[in-house]
Every structure is written in C-alpha cells, then in structure tokens.
C-alpha atoms as a PDB file:
ATOM      1  CA  MET A   1     121.603  97.163  66.024  1.00  0.00           C
ATOM      2  CA  PRO A   2     118.789  96.024  63.698  1.00  0.00           C
ATOM      3  CA  PRO A   3     117.996  92.278  63.801  1.00  0.00           C
ATOM      4  CA  THR A   4     119.771  90.055  61.252  1.00  0.00           C
ATOM      5  CA  PHE A   5     117.953  87.057  59.763  1.00  0.00           C
ATOM      6  CA  ALA A   6     119.229  84.011  57.861  1.00  0.00           C
ATOM      7  CA  PRO A   7     118.912  84.457  54.037  1.00  0.00           C
ATOM      8  CA  SER A   8     116.656  81.433  53.722  1.00  0.00           C
ATOM      9  CA  ARG A   9     114.100  82.864  56.176  1.00  0.00           C
ATOM     10  CA  ARG A  10     111.801  85.012  54.020  1.00  0.00           C
ATOM     11  CA  HIS A  11     108.705  85.234  56.183  1.00  0.00           C
ATOM     12  CA  PHE A  12     107.932  85.325  59.879  1.00  0.00           C
ATOM     13  CA  ASN A  13     104.862  85.489  62.032  1.00  0.00           C
ATOM     14  CA  ALA A  14     103.715  89.120  62.366  1.00  0.00           C
ATOM     15  CA  MET A  15     102.976  88.895  66.097  1.00  0.00           C
ATOM     16  CA  GLY A  16     106.228  87.144  66.827  1.00  0.00           C
ATOM     17  CA  GLY A  17     108.133  89.785  64.860  1.00  0.00           C
ATOM     18  CA  ALA A  18     106.476  92.640  66.768  1.00  0.00           C
ATOM     19  CA  LEU A  19     107.331  91.015  70.092  1.00  0.00           C
ATOM     20  CA  ALA A  20     110.899  90.491  68.974  1.00  0.00           C
ATOM     21  CA  LEU A  21     111.279  94.163  68.062  1.00  0.00           C
ATOM     22  CA  MET A  22     109.853  95.197  71.427  1.00  0.00           C
ATOM     23  CA  ALA A  23     112.344  92.985  73.217  1.00  0.00           C
ATOM     24  CA  LEU A  24     115.241  94.381  71.205  1.00  0.00           C
ATOM     25  CA  ALA A  25     114.326  98.022  71.890  1.00  0.00           C
ATOM     26  CA  PRO A  26     112.618  98.297  75.286  1.00  0.00           C
ATOM     27  CA  ARG A  27     113.983 101.772  75.939  1.00  0.00           C
ATOM     28  CA  ALA A  28     112.622 103.203  72.694  1.00  0.00           C
ATOM     29  CA  TRP A  29     109.259 101.549  73.406  1.00  0.00           C
ATOM     30  CA  ALA A  30     109.167 103.008  76.904  1.00  0.00           C
ATOM     31  CA  ASP A  31     110.037 106.497  75.674  1.00  0.00           C
ATOM     32  CA  THR A  32     106.905 106.658  73.516  1.00  0.00           C
ATOM     33  CA  THR A  33     104.719 106.251  76.624  1.00  0.00           C
ATOM     34  CA  PHE A  34     106.532 108.755  78.870  1.00  0.00           C
ATOM     35  CA  PRO A  35     105.256 109.723  81.348  1.00  0.00           C
ATOM     36  CA  SER A  36     103.155 106.842  82.596  1.00  0.00           C
ATOM     37  CA  LYS A  37     103.337 107.715  86.287  1.00  0.00           C
ATOM     38  CA  GLN A  38     104.012 110.657  88.585  1.00  0.00           C
ATOM     39  CA  ILE A  39     107.198 112.707  88.274  1.00  0.00           C
ATOM     40  CA  ARG A  40     109.120 113.874  91.319  1.00  0.00           C
ATOM     41  CA  ILE A  41     111.201 117.061  91.517  1.00  0.00           C
ATOM     42  CA  VAL A  42     113.594 116.880  94.451  1.00  0.00           C
ATOM     43  CA  VAL A  43     114.307 120.331  95.883  1.00  0.00           C
ATOM     44  CA  PRO A  44     117.466 120.095  98.026  1.00  0.00           C
ATOM     45  CA  PHE A  45     116.391 123.052 100.180  1.00  0.00           C
ATOM     46  CA  SER A  46     113.707 123.773 102.760  1.00  0.00           C
ATOM     47  CA  PRO A  47     110.114 124.632 101.789  1.00  0.00           C
ATOM     48  CA  GLY A  48     109.227 128.278 101.245  1.00  0.00           C
ATOM     49  CA  GLY A  49     112.460 129.461  99.660  1.00  0.00           C
ATOM     50  CA  PRO A  50     112.929 130.667  96.056  1.00  0.00           C
ATOM     51  CA  THR A  51     113.779 127.196  94.740  1.00  0.00           C
ATOM     52  CA  ASP A  52     110.709 125.667  96.344  1.00  0.00           C
ATOM     53  CA  LEU A  53     108.420 128.409  95.003  1.00  0.00           C
ATOM     54  CA  MET A  54     109.822 128.066  91.474  1.00  0.00           C
ATOM     55  CA  ALA A  55     109.590 124.285  91.504  1.00  0.00           C
ATOM     56  CA  ARG A  56     105.968 124.312  92.638  1.00  0.00           C
ATOM     57  CA  ALA A  57     104.933 126.875  90.013  1.00  0.00           C
ATOM     58  CA  ILE A  58     106.676 125.004  87.206  1.00  0.00           C
ATOM     59  CA  GLY A  59     105.542 121.590  88.419  1.00  0.00           C
ATOM     60  CA  LYS A  60     101.901 122.669  88.465  1.00  0.00           C
ATOM     61  CA  ILE A  61     101.995 123.688  84.798  1.00  0.00           C
ATOM     62  CA  MET A  62     104.032 120.662  83.743  1.00  0.00           C
ATOM     63  CA  SER A  63     101.508 118.360  85.379  1.00  0.00           C
ATOM     64  CA  THR A  64      98.676 119.871  83.323  1.00  0.00           C
ATOM     65  CA  HIS A  65     100.407 119.166  80.019  1.00  0.00           C
ATOM     66  CA  LEU A  66     102.076 115.867  80.896  1.00  0.00           C
ATOM     67  CA  GLY A  67      98.872 114.354  82.240  1.00  0.00           C
ATOM     68  CA  GLN A  68     100.621 113.044  85.347  1.00  0.00           C
ATOM     69  CA  PRO A  69     101.175 114.539  88.827  1.00  0.00           C
ATOM     70  CA  VAL A  70     104.454 116.419  89.316  1.00  0.00           C
ATOM     71  CA  ILE A  71     105.212 116.408  93.033  1.00  0.00           C
ATOM     72  CA  ILE A  72     107.795 118.492  94.897  1.00  0.00           C
ATOM     73  CA  ASP A  73     109.918 116.621  97.440  1.00  0.00           C
ATOM     74  CA  ASN A  74     112.046 118.815  99.743  1.00  0.00           C
ATOM     75  CA  LYS A  75     115.296 117.130 100.840  1.00  0.00           C
ATOM     76  CA  PRO A  76     117.356 119.884 102.503  1.00  0.00           C
ATOM     77  CA  GLY A  77     120.816 119.517 103.989  1.00  0.00           C
ATOM     78  CA  GLY A  78     124.488 119.327 103.158  1.00  0.00           C
ATOM     79  CA  GLY A  79     124.468 122.284 100.775  1.00  0.00           C
ATOM     80  CA  GLY A  80     122.305 120.334  98.331  1.00  0.00           C
ATOM     81  CA  VAL A  81     124.190 117.043  98.710  1.00  0.00           C
ATOM     82  CA  ILE A  82     121.304 115.139 100.331  1.00  0.00           C
ATOM     83  CA  GLY A  83     118.866 116.009  97.569  1.00  0.00           C
ATOM     84  CA  MET A  84     121.328 115.280  94.791  1.00  0.00           C
ATOM     85  CA  SER A  85     122.214 111.955  96.390  1.00  0.00           C
ATOM     86  CA  GLU A  86     118.533 111.038  96.330  1.00  0.00           C
ATOM     87  CA  VAL A  87     118.407 111.453  92.554  1.00  0.00           C
ATOM     88  CA  LYS A  88     121.765 109.831  91.888  1.00  0.00           C
ATOM     89  CA  HIS A  89     120.433 106.562  93.289  1.00  0.00           C
ATOM     90  CA  GLN A  90     117.205 106.570  91.240  1.00  0.00           C
ATOM     91  CA  PRO A  91     116.767 104.920  87.810  1.00  0.00           C
ATOM     92  CA  ALA A  92     117.778 107.011  84.782  1.00  0.00           C
ATOM     93  CA  ASP A  93     114.213 107.144  83.462  1.00  0.00           C
ATOM     94  CA  GLY A  94     113.258 110.822  83.843  1.00  0.00           C
ATOM     95  CA  TYR A  95     110.802 110.289  86.692  1.00  0.00           C
ATOM     96  CA  THR A  96     113.057 111.914  89.301  1.00  0.00           C
ATOM     97  CA  LEU A  97     114.725 115.299  88.788  1.00  0.00           C
ATOM     98  CA  VAL A  98     116.753 117.453  91.160  1.00  0.00           C
ATOM     99  CA  PHE A  99     116.540 121.259  91.331  1.00  0.00           C
ATOM    100  CA  PRO A 100     119.876 122.478  92.759  1.00  0.00           C
ATOM    101  CA  SER A 101     121.451 125.901  92.854  1.00  0.00           C
ATOM    102  CA  ILE A 102     124.904 126.907  91.673  1.00  0.00           C
ATOM    103  CA  LEU A 103     126.190 124.957  94.699  1.00  0.00           C
ATOM    104  CA  ALA A 104     126.209 121.981  92.282  1.00  0.00           C
ATOM    105  CA  VAL A 105     129.299 123.532  90.646  1.00  0.00           C
ATOM    106  CA  THR A 106     130.892 125.377  93.579  1.00  0.00           C
ATOM    107  CA  ASN A 107     130.728 122.546  96.123  1.00  0.00           C
ATOM    108  CA  PRO A 108     132.983 120.209  94.093  1.00  0.00           C
ATOM    109  CA  ALA A 109     135.740 122.841  94.349  1.00  0.00           C
ATOM    110  CA  LEU A 110     135.182 123.458  98.052  1.00  0.00           C
ATOM    111  CA  MET A 111     134.445 120.031  99.514  1.00  0.00           C
ATOM    112  CA  PRO A 112     137.228 117.457  99.681  1.00  0.00           C
ATOM    113  CA  GLY A 113     135.738 114.097  98.813  1.00  0.00           C
ATOM    114  CA  TYR A 114     132.619 115.631  97.245  1.00  0.00           C
ATOM    115  CA  PRO A 115     130.457 112.546  96.549  1.00  0.00           C
ATOM    116  CA  PHE A 116     129.453 113.349  92.969  1.00  0.00           C
ATOM    117  CA  ASP A 117     130.894 114.197  89.624  1.00  0.00           C
ATOM    118  CA  THR A 118     128.271 116.694  88.485  1.00  0.00           C
ATOM    119  CA  LEU A 119     128.664 115.908  84.784  1.00  0.00           C
ATOM    120  CA  ARG A 120     129.328 112.187  85.103  1.00  0.00           C
ATOM    121  CA  ASP A 121     126.514 111.387  87.541  1.00  0.00           C
ATOM    122  CA  PHE A 122     123.921 113.877  86.286  1.00  0.00           C
ATOM    123  CA  SER A 123     122.582 115.117  82.994  1.00  0.00           C
ATOM    124  CA  PRO A 124     121.853 118.895  82.897  1.00  0.00           C
ATOM    125  CA  LEU A 125     118.324 119.586  81.638  1.00  0.00           C
ATOM    126  CA  THR A 126     117.930 123.357  81.721  1.00  0.00           C
ATOM    127  CA  VAL A 127     118.683 126.519  83.667  1.00  0.00           C
ATOM    128  CA  VAL A 128     115.388 127.513  85.239  1.00  0.00           C
ATOM    129  CA  GLY A 129     116.501 130.914  86.448  1.00  0.00           C
ATOM    130  CA  PHE A 130     119.546 133.145  86.780  1.00  0.00           C
ATOM    131  CA  VAL A 131     120.045 135.011  90.037  1.00  0.00           C
ATOM    132  CA  PRO A 132     121.706 138.428  89.632  1.00  0.00           C
ATOM    133  CA  HIS A 133     123.752 139.768  92.527  1.00  0.00           C
ATOM    134  CA  ALA A 134     123.926 143.385  93.658  1.00  0.00           C
ATOM    135  CA  VAL A 135     126.772 144.938  95.603  1.00  0.00           C
ATOM    136  CA  VAL A 136     124.867 146.604  98.477  1.00  0.00           C
ATOM    137  CA  VAL A 137     125.664 148.865 101.421  1.00  0.00           C
ATOM    138  CA  ARG A 138     123.587 150.712 104.004  1.00  0.00           C
ATOM    139  CA  THR A 139     122.035 153.874 102.635  1.00  0.00           C
ATOM    140  CA  ASP A 140     124.185 156.009 104.955  1.00  0.00           C
ATOM    141  CA  PHE A 141     127.476 154.305 104.023  1.00  0.00           C
ATOM    142  CA  PRO A 142     129.754 156.989 102.518  1.00  0.00           C
ATOM    143  CA  ALA A 143     130.392 155.318  99.161  1.00  0.00           C
ATOM    144  CA  PRO A 144     128.342 156.267  96.080  1.00  0.00           C
ATOM    145  CA  ASP A 145     129.997 153.684  93.799  1.00  0.00           C
ATOM    146  CA  LEU A 146     132.476 150.816  93.695  1.00  0.00           C
ATOM    147  CA  GLN A 147     135.539 153.021  93.391  1.00  0.00           C
ATOM    148  CA  ALA A 148     134.568 154.780  96.617  1.00  0.00           C
ATOM    149  CA  LEU A 149     133.942 151.422  98.323  1.00  0.00           C
ATOM    150  CA  VAL A 150     137.394 150.219  97.333  1.00  0.00           C
ATOM    151  CA  ALA A 151     138.981 153.512  98.460  1.00  0.00           C
ATOM    152  CA  SER A 152     137.224 153.163 101.821  1.00  0.00           C
ATOM    153  CA  ALA A 153     138.629 149.656 102.261  1.00  0.00           C
ATOM    154  CA  LYS A 154     142.142 150.757 101.359  1.00  0.00           C
ATOM    155  CA  ALA A 155     141.942 153.655 103.802  1.00  0.00           C
ATOM    156  CA  ARG A 156     141.353 151.284 106.742  1.00  0.00           C
ATOM    157  CA  PRO A 157     144.167 149.044 108.017  1.00  0.00           C
ATOM    158  CA  GLU A 158     141.639 146.296 108.692  1.00  0.00           C
ATOM    159  CA  GLY A 159     139.793 146.820 105.391  1.00  0.00           C
ATOM    160  CA  LEU A 160     136.063 146.131 105.167  1.00  0.00           C
ATOM    161  CA  SER A 161     133.999 143.135 106.182  1.00  0.00           C
ATOM    162  CA  TYR A 162     131.321 141.511 104.059  1.00  0.00           C
ATOM    163  CA  GLY A 163     128.666 138.952 104.807  1.00  0.00           C
ATOM    164  CA  SER A 164     127.123 136.067 102.907  1.00  0.00           C
ATOM    165  CA  SER A 165     124.453 133.441 103.390  1.00  0.00           C
ATOM    166  CA  GLY A 166     127.182 130.870 104.023  1.00  0.00           C
ATOM    167  CA  ASN A 167     130.612 129.597 103.111  1.00  0.00           C
ATOM    168  CA  GLY A 168     130.962 128.598  99.481  1.00  0.00           C
ATOM    169  CA  THR A 169     127.867 130.410  98.226  1.00  0.00           C
ATOM    170  CA  SER A 170     128.091 132.492  95.055  1.00  0.00           C
ATOM    171  CA  ALA A 171     127.740 135.609  97.240  1.00  0.00           C
ATOM    172  CA  HIS A 172     130.821 134.599  99.248  1.00  0.00           C
ATOM    173  CA  LEU A 173     132.893 133.619  96.222  1.00  0.00           C
ATOM    174  CA  GLY A 174     131.781 136.651  94.199  1.00  0.00           C
ATOM    175  CA  ALA A 175     132.764 139.125  96.890  1.00  0.00           C
ATOM    176  CA  ALA A 176     136.101 137.370  97.478  1.00  0.00           C
ATOM    177  CA  LEU A 177     136.828 137.419  93.754  1.00  0.00           C
ATOM    178  CA  PHE A 178     135.975 141.127  93.527  1.00  0.00           C
ATOM    179  CA  ALA A 179     138.181 141.966  96.504  1.00  0.00           C
ATOM    180  CA  GLN A 180     141.087 140.217  94.787  1.00  0.00           C
ATOM    181  CA  ARG A 181     140.465 142.046  91.496  1.00  0.00           C
ATOM    182  CA  ALA A 182     140.197 145.398  93.310  1.00  0.00           C
ATOM    183  CA  GLY A 183     143.270 144.789  95.470  1.00  0.00           C
ATOM    184  CA  MET A 184     141.334 145.527  98.666  1.00  0.00           C
ATOM    185  CA  ARG A 185     141.378 143.864 102.056  1.00  0.00           C
ATOM    186  CA  ALA A 186     138.018 142.268 102.871  1.00  0.00           C
ATOM    187  CA  THR A 187     137.072 139.873 105.645  1.00  0.00           C
ATOM    188  CA  HIS A 188     134.338 137.316 105.060  1.00  0.00           C
ATOM    189  CA  VAL A 189     131.683 136.795 107.745  1.00  0.00           C
ATOM    190  CA  PRO A 190     129.475 133.792 106.953  1.00  0.00           C
ATOM    191  CA  TYR A 191     125.891 133.554 108.227  1.00  0.00           C
ATOM    192  CA  ARG A 192     123.201 130.883 108.285  1.00  0.00           C
ATOM    193  CA  GLY A 193     121.178 132.408 105.485  1.00  0.00           C
ATOM    194  CA  ALA A 194     120.828 135.800 103.845  1.00  0.00           C
ATOM    195  CA  GLY A 195     118.381 137.131 106.442  1.00  0.00           C
ATOM    196  CA  PRO A 196     120.807 137.288 109.402  1.00  0.00           C
ATOM    197  CA  ALA A 197     123.538 138.695 107.146  1.00  0.00           C
ATOM    198  CA  VAL A 198     121.292 141.517 105.980  1.00  0.00           C
ATOM    199  CA  GLN A 199     120.322 142.347 109.552  1.00  0.00           C
ATOM    200  CA  ASP A 200     123.977 142.734 110.495  1.00  0.00           C
ATOM    201  CA  LEU A 201     124.567 144.824 107.364  1.00  0.00           C
ATOM    202  CA  LEU A 202     121.733 147.122 108.423  1.00  0.00           C
ATOM    203  CA  GLY A 203     123.142 147.190 111.933  1.00  0.00           C
ATOM    204  CA  GLY A 204     126.623 148.175 110.783  1.00  0.00           C
ATOM    205  CA  GLN A 205     128.436 145.005 111.887  1.00  0.00           C
ATOM    206  CA  ILE A 206     129.490 144.369 108.292  1.00  0.00           C
ATOM    207  CA  GLN A 207     129.976 146.950 105.545  1.00  0.00           C
ATOM    208  CA  PHE A 208     128.891 145.400 102.235  1.00  0.00           C
ATOM    209  CA  MET A 209     127.484 142.310 100.594  1.00  0.00           C
ATOM    210  CA  PHE A 210     127.155 140.626  97.221  1.00  0.00           C
ATOM    211  CA  LEU A 211     123.467 139.934  97.769  1.00  0.00           C
ATOM    212  CA  ASP A 212     121.183 137.936  95.499  1.00  0.00           C
ATOM    213  CA  MET A 213     118.568 140.144  93.907  1.00  0.00           C
ATOM    214  CA  SER A 214     115.612 138.255  95.389  1.00  0.00           C
ATOM    215  CA  SER A 215     116.877 139.186  98.876  1.00  0.00           C
ATOM    216  CA  ALA A 216     118.186 142.632  97.948  1.00  0.00           C
ATOM    217  CA  LEU A 217     115.247 144.160  96.054  1.00  0.00           C
ATOM    218  CA  PRO A 218     112.815 144.550  98.987  1.00  0.00           C
ATOM    219  CA  PHE A 219     115.451 146.395 101.037  1.00  0.00           C
ATOM    220  CA  ILE A 220     116.542 148.558  98.108  1.00  0.00           C
ATOM    221  CA  GLN A 221     112.927 149.453  97.296  1.00  0.00           C
ATOM    222  CA  ALA A 222     112.284 150.261 100.963  1.00  0.00           C
ATOM    223  CA  GLY A 223     115.274 152.626 101.042  1.00  0.00           C
ATOM    224  CA  LYS A 224     117.191 150.570 103.599  1.00  0.00           C
ATOM    225  CA  LEU A 225     120.004 149.384 101.291  1.00  0.00           C
ATOM    226  CA  ARG A 226     121.697 151.058  98.335  1.00  0.00           C
ATOM    227  CA  ALA A 227     122.985 149.145  95.328  1.00  0.00           C
ATOM    228  CA  LEU A 228     126.446 150.279  94.188  1.00  0.00           C
ATOM    229  CA  ALA A 229     126.596 147.855  91.265  1.00  0.00           C
ATOM    230  CA  VAL A 230     125.158 144.711  89.744  1.00  0.00           C
ATOM    231  CA  ALA A 231     127.497 141.806  89.074  1.00  0.00           C
ATOM    232  CA  THR A 232     125.887 140.827  85.774  1.00  0.00           C
ATOM    233  CA  ALA A 233     127.144 141.255  82.221  1.00  0.00           C
ATOM    234  CA  THR A 234     124.397 143.775  81.469  1.00  0.00           C
ATOM    235  CA  ARG A 235     122.323 146.038  83.709  1.00  0.00           C
ATOM    236  CA  PHE A 236     119.504 144.476  85.658  1.00  0.00           C
ATOM    237  CA  GLU A 237     116.041 145.326  84.302  1.00  0.00           C
ATOM    238  CA  GLY A 238     114.684 146.038  87.784  1.00  0.00           C
ATOM    239  CA  LEU A 239     117.486 148.542  88.599  1.00  0.00           C
ATOM    240  CA  PRO A 240     118.281 150.140  85.227  1.00  0.00           C
ATOM    241  CA  ALA A 241     120.184 153.110  86.714  1.00  0.00           C
ATOM    242  CA  VAL A 242     122.640 150.913  88.608  1.00  0.00           C
ATOM    243  CA  ARG A 243     125.829 150.290  86.646  1.00  0.00           C
ATOM    244  CA  THR A 244     127.487 146.892  86.365  1.00  0.00           C
ATOM    245  CA  VAL A 245     130.764 146.035  88.070  1.00  0.00           C
ATOM    246  CA  ALA A 246     132.371 145.893  84.622  1.00  0.00           C
ATOM    247  CA  GLU A 247     131.167 149.409  83.810  1.00  0.00           C
ATOM    248  CA  GLN A 248     132.900 150.704  86.924  1.00  0.00           C
ATOM    249  CA  GLY A 249     136.420 149.698  86.008  1.00  0.00           C
ATOM    250  CA  TYR A 250     136.485 145.884  86.240  1.00  0.00           C
ATOM    251  CA  PRO A 251     135.980 144.630  82.671  1.00  0.00           C
ATOM    252  CA  GLY A 252     134.747 141.094  82.233  1.00  0.00           C
ATOM    253  CA  PHE A 253     133.686 140.731  85.854  1.00  0.00           C
ATOM    254  CA  GLU A 254     130.483 138.738  86.152  1.00  0.00           C
ATOM    255  CA  VAL A 255     129.125 136.657  89.005  1.00  0.00           C
ATOM    256  CA  HIS A 256     125.687 135.123  89.025  1.00  0.00           C
ATOM    257  CA  GLY A 257     123.850 132.326  90.675  1.00  0.00           C
ATOM    258  CA  TRP A 258     121.498 129.976  88.914  1.00  0.00           C
ATOM    259  CA  TYR A 259     118.886 127.361  89.633  1.00  0.00           C
ATOM    260  CA  GLY A 260     118.686 124.429  87.264  1.00  0.00           C
ATOM    261  CA  LEU A 261     117.158 121.022  86.745  1.00  0.00           C
ATOM    262  CA  LEU A 262     119.329 117.913  86.509  1.00  0.00           C
ATOM    263  CA  LEU A 263     118.421 114.381  85.534  1.00  0.00           C
ATOM    264  CA  LYS A 264     120.209 111.165  86.347  1.00  0.00           C
ATOM    265  CA  ALA A 265     122.966 110.536  83.807  1.00  0.00           C
ATOM    266  CA  GLY A 266     121.889 108.134  81.097  1.00  0.00           C
ATOM    267  CA  THR A 267     118.290 109.351  80.871  1.00  0.00           C
ATOM    268  CA  PRO A 268     117.025 108.622  77.313  1.00  0.00           C
ATOM    269  CA  ALA A 269     117.309 111.533  74.898  1.00  0.00           C
ATOM    270  CA  ALA A 270     113.609 111.408  73.994  1.00  0.00           C
ATOM    271  CA  VAL A 271     112.629 111.724  77.661  1.00  0.00           C
ATOM    272  CA  THR A 272     115.110 114.550  78.178  1.00  0.00           C
ATOM    273  CA  GLN A 273     113.698 116.499  75.230  1.00  0.00           C
ATOM    274  CA  ARG A 274     110.105 115.983  76.367  1.00  0.00           C
ATOM    275  CA  LEU A 275     110.896 117.266  79.849  1.00  0.00           C
ATOM    276  CA  TYR A 276     112.831 120.234  78.478  1.00  0.00           C
ATOM    277  CA  ALA A 277     109.916 121.169  76.213  1.00  0.00           C
ATOM    278  CA  GLU A 278     107.499 121.116  79.147  1.00  0.00           C
ATOM    279  CA  VAL A 279     109.779 123.154  81.440  1.00  0.00           C
ATOM    280  CA  LYS A 280     110.219 125.676  78.636  1.00  0.00           C
ATOM    281  CA  ARG A 281     106.465 125.852  78.152  1.00  0.00           C
ATOM    282  CA  ALA A 282     106.041 126.583  81.883  1.00  0.00           C
ATOM    283  CA  LEU A 283     108.770 129.250  81.860  1.00  0.00           C
ATOM    284  CA  ASP A 284     106.977 131.023  79.010  1.00  0.00           C
ATOM    285  CA  THR A 285     103.760 131.487  80.986  1.00  0.00           C
ATOM    286  CA  LYS A 286     102.806 134.822  82.501  1.00  0.00           C
ATOM    287  CA  GLU A 287     102.202 133.150  85.863  1.00  0.00           C
ATOM    288  CA  VAL A 288     105.778 131.920  86.149  1.00  0.00           C
ATOM    289  CA  ARG A 289     107.352 135.049  84.673  1.00  0.00           C
ATOM    290  CA  ASP A 290     105.488 137.240  87.132  1.00  0.00           C
ATOM    291  CA  LEU A 291     106.654 135.041  90.017  1.00  0.00           C
ATOM    292  CA  PHE A 292     110.261 135.203  88.831  1.00  0.00           C
ATOM    293  CA  LYS A 293     110.123 138.975  88.410  1.00  0.00           C
ATOM    294  CA  ALA A 294     108.830 139.396  91.949  1.00  0.00           C
ATOM    295  CA  GLN A 295     111.703 137.228  93.179  1.00  0.00           C
ATOM    296  CA  GLY A 296     114.346 139.160  91.195  1.00  0.00           C
ATOM    297  CA  ILE A 297     115.123 136.076  89.091  1.00  0.00           C
ATOM    298  CA  ALA A 298     115.687 136.092  85.333  1.00  0.00           C
ATOM    299  CA  PRO A 299     114.065 133.069  83.568  1.00  0.00           C
ATOM    300  CA  GLY A 300     116.630 130.690  82.122  1.00  0.00           C
ATOM    301  CA  ASP A 301     115.198 128.534  79.292  1.00  0.00           C
ATOM    302  CA  MET A 302     118.574 127.083  78.267  1.00  0.00           C
ATOM    303  CA  PRO A 303     118.584 123.864  76.180  1.00  0.00           C
ATOM    304  CA  PRO A 304     120.309 120.798  77.667  1.00  0.00           C
ATOM    305  CA  GLU A 305     123.431 121.074  75.517  1.00  0.00           C
ATOM    306  CA  GLN A 306     123.940 124.753  76.428  1.00  0.00           C
ATOM    307  CA  PHE A 307     123.338 124.088  80.101  1.00  0.00           C
ATOM    308  CA  THR A 308     125.867 121.261  79.964  1.00  0.00           C
ATOM    309  CA  ALA A 309     128.423 123.688  78.511  1.00  0.00           C
ATOM    310  CA  LEU A 310     127.620 126.229  81.259  1.00  0.00           C
ATOM    311  CA  VAL A 311     128.020 123.613  84.001  1.00  0.00           C
ATOM    312  CA  ARG A 312     131.370 122.548  82.535  1.00  0.00           C
ATOM    313  CA  SER A 313     132.547 126.153  82.317  1.00  0.00           C
ATOM    314  CA  ASP A 314     131.382 127.011  85.849  1.00  0.00           C
ATOM    315  CA  LEU A 315     133.011 123.922  87.326  1.00  0.00           C
ATOM    316  CA  ALA A 316     136.340 124.967  85.833  1.00  0.00           C
ATOM    317  CA  MET A 317     135.982 128.649  86.771  1.00  0.00           C
ATOM    318  CA  TRP A 318     135.066 128.054  90.406  1.00  0.00           C
ATOM    319  CA  LYS A 319     137.750 125.398  90.827  1.00  0.00           C
ATOM    320  CA  ARG A 320     140.316 127.901  89.568  1.00  0.00           C
ATOM    321  CA  THR A 321     138.885 130.697  91.744  1.00  0.00           C
ATOM    322  CA  VAL A 322     138.837 128.593  94.924  1.00  0.00           C
ATOM    323  CA  GLU A 323     142.431 127.466  94.346  1.00  0.00           C
ATOM    324  CA  GLU A 324     143.687 130.978  93.590  1.00  0.00           C
ATOM    325  CA  LEU A 325     141.986 132.546  96.637  1.00  0.00           C
ATOM    326  CA  HIS A 326     142.728 129.585  98.944  1.00  0.00           C
ATOM    327  CA  ILE A 327     139.079 129.398 100.018  1.00  0.00           C
ATOM    328  CA  THR A 328     137.925 126.564 102.271  1.00  0.00           C
ATOM    329  CA  LEU A 329     134.654 125.770 103.992  1.00  0.00           C
ATOM    330  CA  GLN A 330     136.285 125.807 107.430  1.00  0.00           C
END
C-alpha cells in the first residue's frame, strides 16, 4: 500500500523520503536490477541427454543478453525429484530454475507421498520443447499400420509386449492408454533408458514402442525401425507421410512429452517476465532451432500463463489415466 502521511505534514526531506520508499518496496527495487548475479538452471537428469543439451544451448544465449553467467547444474535421480527439490528450497528470486520433463506431472499420479505440489511449490515459466512420440516396430514386423498392429495383438492369446525407458514415463503411459483405447492386450516391459529398450525391440524381444522422436528418428532414417503412427495432434514435420494415431481410427488421441522451465513459487512477476523474454529470444535463434530439429523436438515458446494451464490440465489427465489403468511404479 502507498505510504499515508499526517495532514499537517506537508514537506519531508527528499533523501529520507527516497529511503522510506525503498524500504516499503524492496521487491520492486530488486526487480529493476535483475539479474545482478549468476543464474543457475538445475537439470534433473545426467549430462549429455536432450535436456542437458537444450539447457546448455539456451543458457549460453541467455547469458549473452542478461549480462550474467547462466550455469547448468545436473542433479539426476529420483525421476527428477532430486533436482526439483533443489529448487524448491531456494529463494523465490529467479536465480535458480529447474528444467524437468513431463515427469513433473506424471510422477504426482504415480508416486504415493510425492514430495511436491507442482503448481503450489513451483511457478511454470515456459515449455521449452515438445517431444513427439512415434509408434514404432521393426521393419520386418508384419503390420503396415495401427489397425494391423491391433489385429496382430488380438490374434495372439498373450497379446503383444511393448517397451519403454522406464515406469511412469510418457512412453509407458501413452502405450498403455492406446492399448486400452484399442481393446488390445499389451504387456509393459520397462527398461533403464530408451537405448536398452530399442535394442530389445530390434532383437525381437518386444514388439512395439511409443518412442520419443529424438530416439526414434535415427533408427527410422537408418531403416531399422518403421513408424506406424505419430501420437501428436498433427503430423510430424520430419515424417510427413506418417499418419497420426487419430487419423487411423482413434479420434482425439494425443500423447506427447515436454521439457519446461519452472521457477520457485512466489517469484516476482517482473523477474518471471524478464526470464521468459530471454528464453523466448533463445528459442527463436537458428542455433537452438537447428539443435531441436536434430533432436526431433518441437520448440515450445509458451507464455507462463499458458504453460500453467497446460500443467494443470496434464496433472488432471495423467491422474485420471493412472487411476483408470491401475498403473503403479512397482
């Protein structure tokens, strides 16, 4: 609230008044000088992966325009929990961000006693990139499209098996959701990462996968895997001839992953907007767009209020999906 003075006091010392205003509004004063020190982006995954590569590319450009170092701090473990915990316990001043995947909205549905409320404890800044998924099989698997895949599953008493990079990932949940929609029997085989799962897919130990495009594209381009569909609302630019799941008889079906930046809840609005503007500037550069394209990732550039709405929607959708399919992390 603005300061109130007694009616009889008509004049005050200019320096004293300025100091009084600074004391009354320290946050506003601090916002005008942001940033005044280095910024840290916590990546809750190991170095060298897609999140790490994106964070380093974006951080480099942000640092140039913010005039302060932007460092990347890898804190892997716990499906992103360790990295998010690091940011939760930092001041809400914009100097520490976390760069999680869609696990930030699937884990709360899957983990009893999940230690965060994603919307209460964090403030969504922006989606950095969307990760399309492709439904893939070996090139010699006798199914040219989704209908044939479903028919193959229904023709086998044991159904088909599918792999994922781990329990609770969007690949796991997406495939389970599709199997329910298609009325087909499908057994989930979790792996420690996409690499081992793909190797077993190539070896015939599992029959199909919902595979993120960054992992799928090299194998598709090399002729080792065939994409039956993409699980996006529209066709993927890099595979324009491959129809969507919705186009093949499952209207409204869409499963994607995303990578986004979160701030500590309570970060000042002016700081949030400054950081969003700089991330957006980085995402608009050719350097970053070329990197994303090579990784099979679609740039996000979603304002904070829209990202907040997406997080809220995804939290509700995955909670409902996990409950309906009785999925656990065990």
